[in-house]
Amino acid sequence: MITVAIMCMALNVYHEARGEPLNGQYAVAHVVMNRMADPRWADDVCGVIGQKAQFSWTRKHAMPRDMDALRQAIKVAAQVIDGRPDSTQGSTHYHNDTVEPLWTFNLTKTMKIGNHQFYK
């Protein structure tokens, strides 16, 4: 059964990481879970994803067009929400290689997967 939380997470994985390797998709999902455990963010999946200025795709309201990628994102989301172990070393942030946000200077880089840098 696809819950609201799984669909929120799947849309985030789809829009943020559909072109990334599978481990990068899991990592993006784990960032959401790690944020849920941190008092700076909401304590539910949809709340974290919908929090203002966190994920750029949420401002565009883009609809998924690649159904195979969406199905994969749903699987990733369900597994992470169901407790798949975190491989990000507790990362709470990431960005694409094409940008270098100022907030990275206050965080510790944990890893790079595909085109994404992860931090905590």
Protein backbone atom coordinates (compact mmCIF):
# COMPACT_ATOMS: atom_id res chain seq x y z
CA MET A 1 0.00 0.00 0.00
CA ILE A 2 1.32 3.44 -0.92
CA THR A 3 0.84 5.80 2.03
CA VAL A 4 0.94 9.59 1.89
CA ALA A 5 4.41 9.52 3.47
CA ILE A 6 5.70 7.08 0.86
CA MET A 7 4.29 9.22 -1.95
CA CYS A 8 5.82 12.43 -0.51
CA MET A 9 9.19 10.70 -0.20
CA ALA A 10 8.90 9.13 -3.65
CA LEU A 11 8.19 12.50 -5.27
CA ASN A 12 11.22 13.96 -3.51
CA VAL A 13 13.45 11.10 -4.65
CA TYR A 14 12.03 11.38 -8.16
CA HIS A 15 12.58 15.13 -8.50
CA GLU A 16 15.88 15.32 -6.62
CA ALA A 17 17.63 12.12 -7.70
CA ARG A 18 15.94 10.19 -10.50
CA GLY A 19 19.06 10.43 -12.69
CA GLU A 20 21.36 9.30 -9.88
CA PRO A 21 22.58 5.78 -9.11
CA LEU A 22 20.31 3.76 -6.84
CA ASN A 23 22.51 4.37 -3.79
CA GLY A 24 22.20 8.11 -4.45
CA GLN A 25 18.41 7.82 -4.47
CA TYR A 26 18.52 6.01 -1.13
CA ALA A 27 20.84 8.71 0.22
CA VAL A 28 18.44 11.50 -0.76
CA ALA A 29 15.63 9.66 1.02
CA HIS A 30 17.79 9.18 4.11
CA VAL A 31 18.47 12.91 4.30
CA VAL A 32 14.72 13.39 4.81
CA MET A 33 14.67 10.72 7.53
CA ASN A 34 17.71 12.26 9.24
CA ARG A 35 16.03 15.64 9.21
CA MET A 36 12.95 14.16 10.86
CA ALA A 37 15.15 13.19 13.81
CA ASP A 38 16.52 16.75 14.09
CA PRO A 39 14.44 19.40 15.90
CA ARG A 40 15.23 22.01 13.22
CA TRP A 41 12.85 20.28 10.83
CA ALA A 42 9.37 18.82 10.91
CA ASP A 43 8.89 15.37 12.45
CA ASP A 44 7.12 13.76 9.50
CA VAL A 45 8.15 13.00 5.91
CA CYS A 46 5.75 15.35 4.14
CA GLY A 47 6.46 18.11 6.65
CA VAL A 48 10.22 17.94 6.06
CA ILE A 49 9.81 17.90 2.30
CA GLY A 50 7.25 20.70 2.32
CA GLN A 51 9.21 22.92 4.68
CA LYS A 52 9.89 26.28 3.04
CA ALA A 53 13.04 26.60 0.90
CA GLN A 54 14.30 23.05 1.46
CA PHE A 55 13.76 21.33 -1.89
CA SER A 56 13.56 23.45 -5.03
CA TRP A 57 11.19 21.15 -6.88
CA THR A 58 8.41 21.86 -4.34
CA ARG A 59 8.16 25.44 -5.61
CA LYS A 60 7.50 24.27 -9.17
CA HIS A 61 4.81 21.63 -8.55
CA ALA A 62 6.16 19.58 -11.46
CA MET A 63 4.33 16.36 -12.25
CA PRO A 64 6.35 13.17 -12.85
CA ARG A 65 6.59 12.20 -16.50
CA ASP A 66 8.91 9.18 -16.31
CA MET A 67 6.71 6.47 -14.83
CA ASP A 68 9.55 3.92 -14.59
CA ALA A 69 11.59 6.40 -12.54
CA LEU A 70 8.55 7.13 -10.36
CA ARG A 71 7.98 3.41 -9.71
CA GLN A 72 11.65 3.09 -8.70
CA ALA A 73 11.33 6.13 -6.42
CA ILE A 74 8.28 4.57 -4.74
CA LYS A 75 10.29 1.40 -4.03
CA VAL A 76 13.18 3.44 -2.62
CA ALA A 77 10.82 5.53 -0.49
CA ALA A 78 9.01 2.50 0.92
CA GLN A 79 12.26 0.74 1.82
CA VAL A 80 13.77 3.77 3.54
CA ILE A 81 10.59 4.55 5.48
CA ASP A 82 10.41 0.87 6.43
CA GLY A 83 13.84 1.09 8.06
CA ARG A 84 16.52 0.46 5.45
CA PRO A 85 19.87 1.33 7.13
CA ASP A 86 21.27 4.82 6.51
CA SER A 87 24.40 4.88 4.38
CA THR A 88 24.86 8.67 4.59
CA GLN A 89 26.60 8.84 7.98
CA GLY A 90 23.69 10.89 9.28
CA SER A 91 23.67 13.51 6.50
CA THR A 92 21.03 16.21 6.76
CA HIS A 93 21.98 18.17 3.63
CA TYR A 94 23.02 17.62 0.04
CA HIS A 95 23.42 19.58 -3.14
CA ASN A 96 24.09 18.94 -6.79
CA ASP A 97 27.66 19.38 -8.05
CA THR A 98 26.53 22.23 -10.28
CA VAL A 99 26.10 24.56 -7.29
CA GLU A 100 28.09 25.43 -4.17
CA PRO A 101 25.70 26.83 -1.58
CA LEU A 102 27.06 29.06 1.17
CA TRP A 103 25.61 26.78 3.86
CA THR A 104 28.18 24.10 3.02
CA PHE A 105 30.87 26.05 4.89
CA ASN A 106 29.12 25.37 8.21
CA LEU A 107 28.81 21.60 7.68
CA THR A 108 31.03 18.55 7.36
CA LYS A 109 31.09 16.76 4.01
CA THR A 110 30.28 13.09 4.51
CA MET A 111 30.27 11.64 1.01
CA LYS A 112 29.70 12.06 -2.71
CA ILE A 113 27.34 9.88 -4.68
CA GLY A 114 26.80 10.50 -8.36
CA ASN A 115 26.28 14.23 -8.84
CA HIS A 116 25.44 14.95 -5.19
CA GLN A 117 27.57 16.01 -2.22
CA PHE A 118 26.23 15.06 1.24
CA TYR A 119 26.85 16.89 4.54
CA LYS A 120 25.99 16.83 8.22
